[in-house]
Amino acid sequence: MLYERQIEALQKQIEETGDVETLKSETTRLRLLIEEEETKKKFYQIENIRRKHNYIPLIIELLKILAKEGKLLPLYEEAKERTLKRQKTK
């Protein structure tokens, strides 16, 4: 919104002064900034969708399946060992 207003102001300046080259480069820069903002907005929308989803039931089911197959405890022990190694190296 802000960049669009700046572009409109620059276009008015172009009409009034006729200094096309410097104002066109500024207009191009502002259009690139608008594109970047739109890209960020799309990324944030996707992130918000991910944040709103409840992953807890999925995680619980995965843990149940791992426990049923006997893989949960070995994974836990392995993660515990890695954590202890990292703490020792710090």
C-alpha atoms as a PDB file:
ATOM      1  CA  MET A   1       0.000   0.000   0.000  1.00  0.00           C
ATOM      2  CA  LEU A   2       2.773   2.420   0.942  1.00  0.00           C
ATOM      3  CA  TYR A   3       4.853   1.535  -2.100  1.00  0.00           C
ATOM      4  CA  GLU A   4       1.855   1.917  -4.381  1.00  0.00           C
ATOM      5  CA  ARG A   5       1.282   5.441  -3.078  1.00  0.00           C
ATOM      6  CA  GLN A   6       4.933   6.242  -3.662  1.00  0.00           C
ATOM      7  CA  ILE A   7       4.647   4.950  -7.239  1.00  0.00           C
ATOM      8  CA  GLU A   8       1.607   7.165  -7.811  1.00  0.00           C
ATOM      9  CA  ALA A   9       3.523  10.166  -6.459  1.00  0.00           C
ATOM     10  CA  LEU A  10       6.457   9.366  -8.753  1.00  0.00           C
ATOM     11  CA  GLN A  11       4.154   9.095 -11.754  1.00  0.00           C
ATOM     12  CA  LYS A  12       2.759  12.536 -10.940  1.00  0.00           C
ATOM     13  CA  GLN A  13       6.323  13.860 -10.738  1.00  0.00           C
ATOM     14  CA  ILE A  14       7.097  12.336 -14.134  1.00  0.00           C
ATOM     15  CA  GLU A  15       4.094  14.116 -15.615  1.00  0.00           C
ATOM     16  CA  GLU A  16       5.052  17.422 -13.986  1.00  0.00           C
ATOM     17  CA  THR A  17       8.828  17.473 -14.427  1.00  0.00           C
ATOM     18  CA  GLY A  18       9.471  15.156 -17.330  1.00  0.00           C
ATOM     19  CA  ASP A  19      12.542  13.629 -15.604  1.00  0.00           C
ATOM     20  CA  VAL A  20      11.730  10.130 -16.769  1.00  0.00           C
ATOM     21  CA  GLU A  21      14.971   8.151 -16.299  1.00  0.00           C
ATOM     22  CA  THR A  22      15.625   8.655 -12.587  1.00  0.00           C
ATOM     23  CA  LEU A  23      11.970   8.380 -11.678  1.00  0.00           C
ATOM     24  CA  LYS A  24      11.501   5.225 -13.774  1.00  0.00           C
ATOM     25  CA  SER A  25      14.343   3.502 -11.955  1.00  0.00           C
ATOM     26  CA  GLU A  26      12.773   4.471  -8.639  1.00  0.00           C
ATOM     27  CA  THR A  27       9.402   3.169  -9.850  1.00  0.00           C
ATOM     28  CA  THR A  28      11.009  -0.129 -10.863  1.00  0.00           C
ATOM     29  CA  ARG A  29      12.655  -0.431  -7.455  1.00  0.00           C
ATOM     30  CA  LEU A  30       9.323   0.149  -5.728  1.00  0.00           C
ATOM     31  CA  ARG A  31       7.603  -2.462  -7.905  1.00  0.00           C
ATOM     32  CA  LEU A  32      10.269  -4.995  -6.928  1.00  0.00           C
ATOM     33  CA  LEU A  33       9.652  -4.179  -3.282  1.00  0.00           C
ATOM     34  CA  ILE A  34       5.928  -4.749  -3.811  1.00  0.00           C
ATOM     35  CA  GLU A  35       6.649  -8.172  -5.341  1.00  0.00           C
ATOM     36  CA  GLU A  36       8.869  -9.068  -2.386  1.00  0.00           C
ATOM     37  CA  GLU A  37       6.131  -8.073   0.045  1.00  0.00           C
ATOM     38  CA  GLU A  38       3.578 -10.189  -1.823  1.00  0.00           C
ATOM     39  CA  THR A  39       5.945 -13.173  -1.719  1.00  0.00           C
ATOM     40  CA  LYS A  40       6.398 -12.701   2.031  1.00  0.00           C
ATOM     41  CA  LYS A  41       2.635 -12.487   2.482  1.00  0.00           C
ATOM     42  CA  LYS A  42       2.120 -15.817   0.684  1.00  0.00           C
ATOM     43  CA  PHE A  43       4.831 -17.441   2.813  1.00  0.00           C
ATOM     44  CA  TYR A  44       3.264 -16.102   6.021  1.00  0.00           C
ATOM     45  CA  GLN A  45      -0.160 -17.400   4.985  1.00  0.00           C
ATOM     46  CA  ILE A  46       1.263 -20.906   4.554  1.00  0.00           C
ATOM     47  CA  GLU A  47       3.051 -20.645   7.910  1.00  0.00           C
ATOM     48  CA  ASN A  48      -0.145 -19.550   9.633  1.00  0.00           C
ATOM     49  CA  ILE A  49      -2.000 -22.546   8.207  1.00  0.00           C
ATOM     50  CA  ARG A  50       0.705 -24.827   9.593  1.00  0.00           C
ATOM     51  CA  ARG A  51       0.539 -23.170  13.006  1.00  0.00           C
ATOM     52  CA  LYS A  52      -3.223 -23.564  13.224  1.00  0.00           C
ATOM     53  CA  HIS A  53      -3.143 -27.302  12.494  1.00  0.00           C
ATOM     54  CA  ASN A  54      -3.200 -29.585  15.511  1.00  0.00           C
ATOM     55  CA  TYR A  55      -0.358 -32.082  15.115  1.00  0.00           C
ATOM     56  CA  ILE A  56      -0.729 -33.663  18.566  1.00  0.00           C
ATOM     57  CA  PRO A  57      -3.052 -36.535  17.494  1.00  0.00           C
ATOM     58  CA  LEU A  58      -0.645 -37.409  14.670  1.00  0.00           C
ATOM     59  CA  ILE A  59       2.332 -37.400  17.026  1.00  0.00           C
ATOM     60  CA  ILE A  60       0.507 -39.563  19.563  1.00  0.00           C
ATOM     61  CA  GLU A  61      -0.438 -42.107  16.895  1.00  0.00           C
ATOM     62  CA  LEU A  62       3.154 -42.245  15.641  1.00  0.00           C
ATOM     63  CA  LEU A  63       4.408 -42.830  19.178  1.00  0.00           C
ATOM     64  CA  LYS A  64       1.824 -45.597  19.691  1.00  0.00           C
ATOM     65  CA  ILE A  65       2.881 -47.326  16.466  1.00  0.00           C
ATOM     66  CA  LEU A  66       6.569 -47.066  17.364  1.00  0.00           C
ATOM     67  CA  ALA A  67       5.864 -48.472  20.835  1.00  0.00           C
ATOM     68  CA  LYS A  68       3.807 -51.336  19.404  1.00  0.00           C
ATOM     69  CA  GLU A  69       6.654 -52.252  17.024  1.00  0.00           C
ATOM     70  CA  GLY A  70       9.230 -52.009  19.821  1.00  0.00           C
ATOM     71  CA  LYS A  71      11.114 -49.140  18.187  1.00  0.00           C
ATOM     72  CA  LEU A  72      10.235 -46.348  20.617  1.00  0.00           C
ATOM     73  CA  LEU A  73      12.616 -47.213  23.447  1.00  0.00           C
ATOM     74  CA  PRO A  74      15.681 -47.694  21.188  1.00  0.00           C
ATOM     75  CA  LEU A  75      14.970 -44.343  19.509  1.00  0.00           C
ATOM     76  CA  TYR A  76      14.654 -42.695  22.899  1.00  0.00           C
ATOM     77  CA  GLU A  77      17.944 -44.186  24.110  1.00  0.00           C
ATOM     78  CA  GLU A  78      19.721 -43.103  20.922  1.00  0.00           C
ATOM     79  CA  ALA A  79      18.408 -39.549  21.243  1.00  0.00           C
ATOM     80  CA  LYS A  80      19.415 -39.471  24.893  1.00  0.00           C
ATOM     81  CA  GLU A  81      22.982 -40.546  24.027  1.00  0.00           C
ATOM     82  CA  ARG A  82      23.257 -37.893  21.305  1.00  0.00           C
ATOM     83  CA  THR A  83      22.055 -35.244  23.728  1.00  0.00           C
ATOM     84  CA  LEU A  84      24.615 -36.265  26.325  1.00  0.00           C
ATOM     85  CA  LYS A  85      27.400 -36.180  23.695  1.00  0.00           C
ATOM     86  CA  ARG A  86      26.387 -32.679  22.623  1.00  0.00           C
ATOM     87  CA  GLN A  87      26.323 -31.465  26.200  1.00  0.00           C
ATOM     88  CA  LYS A  88      29.808 -32.855  26.817  1.00  0.00           C
ATOM     89  CA  THR A  89      31.272 -31.153  23.733  1.00  0.00           C
ATOM     90  CA  LYS A  90      29.950 -27.733  24.777  1.00  0.00           C
END
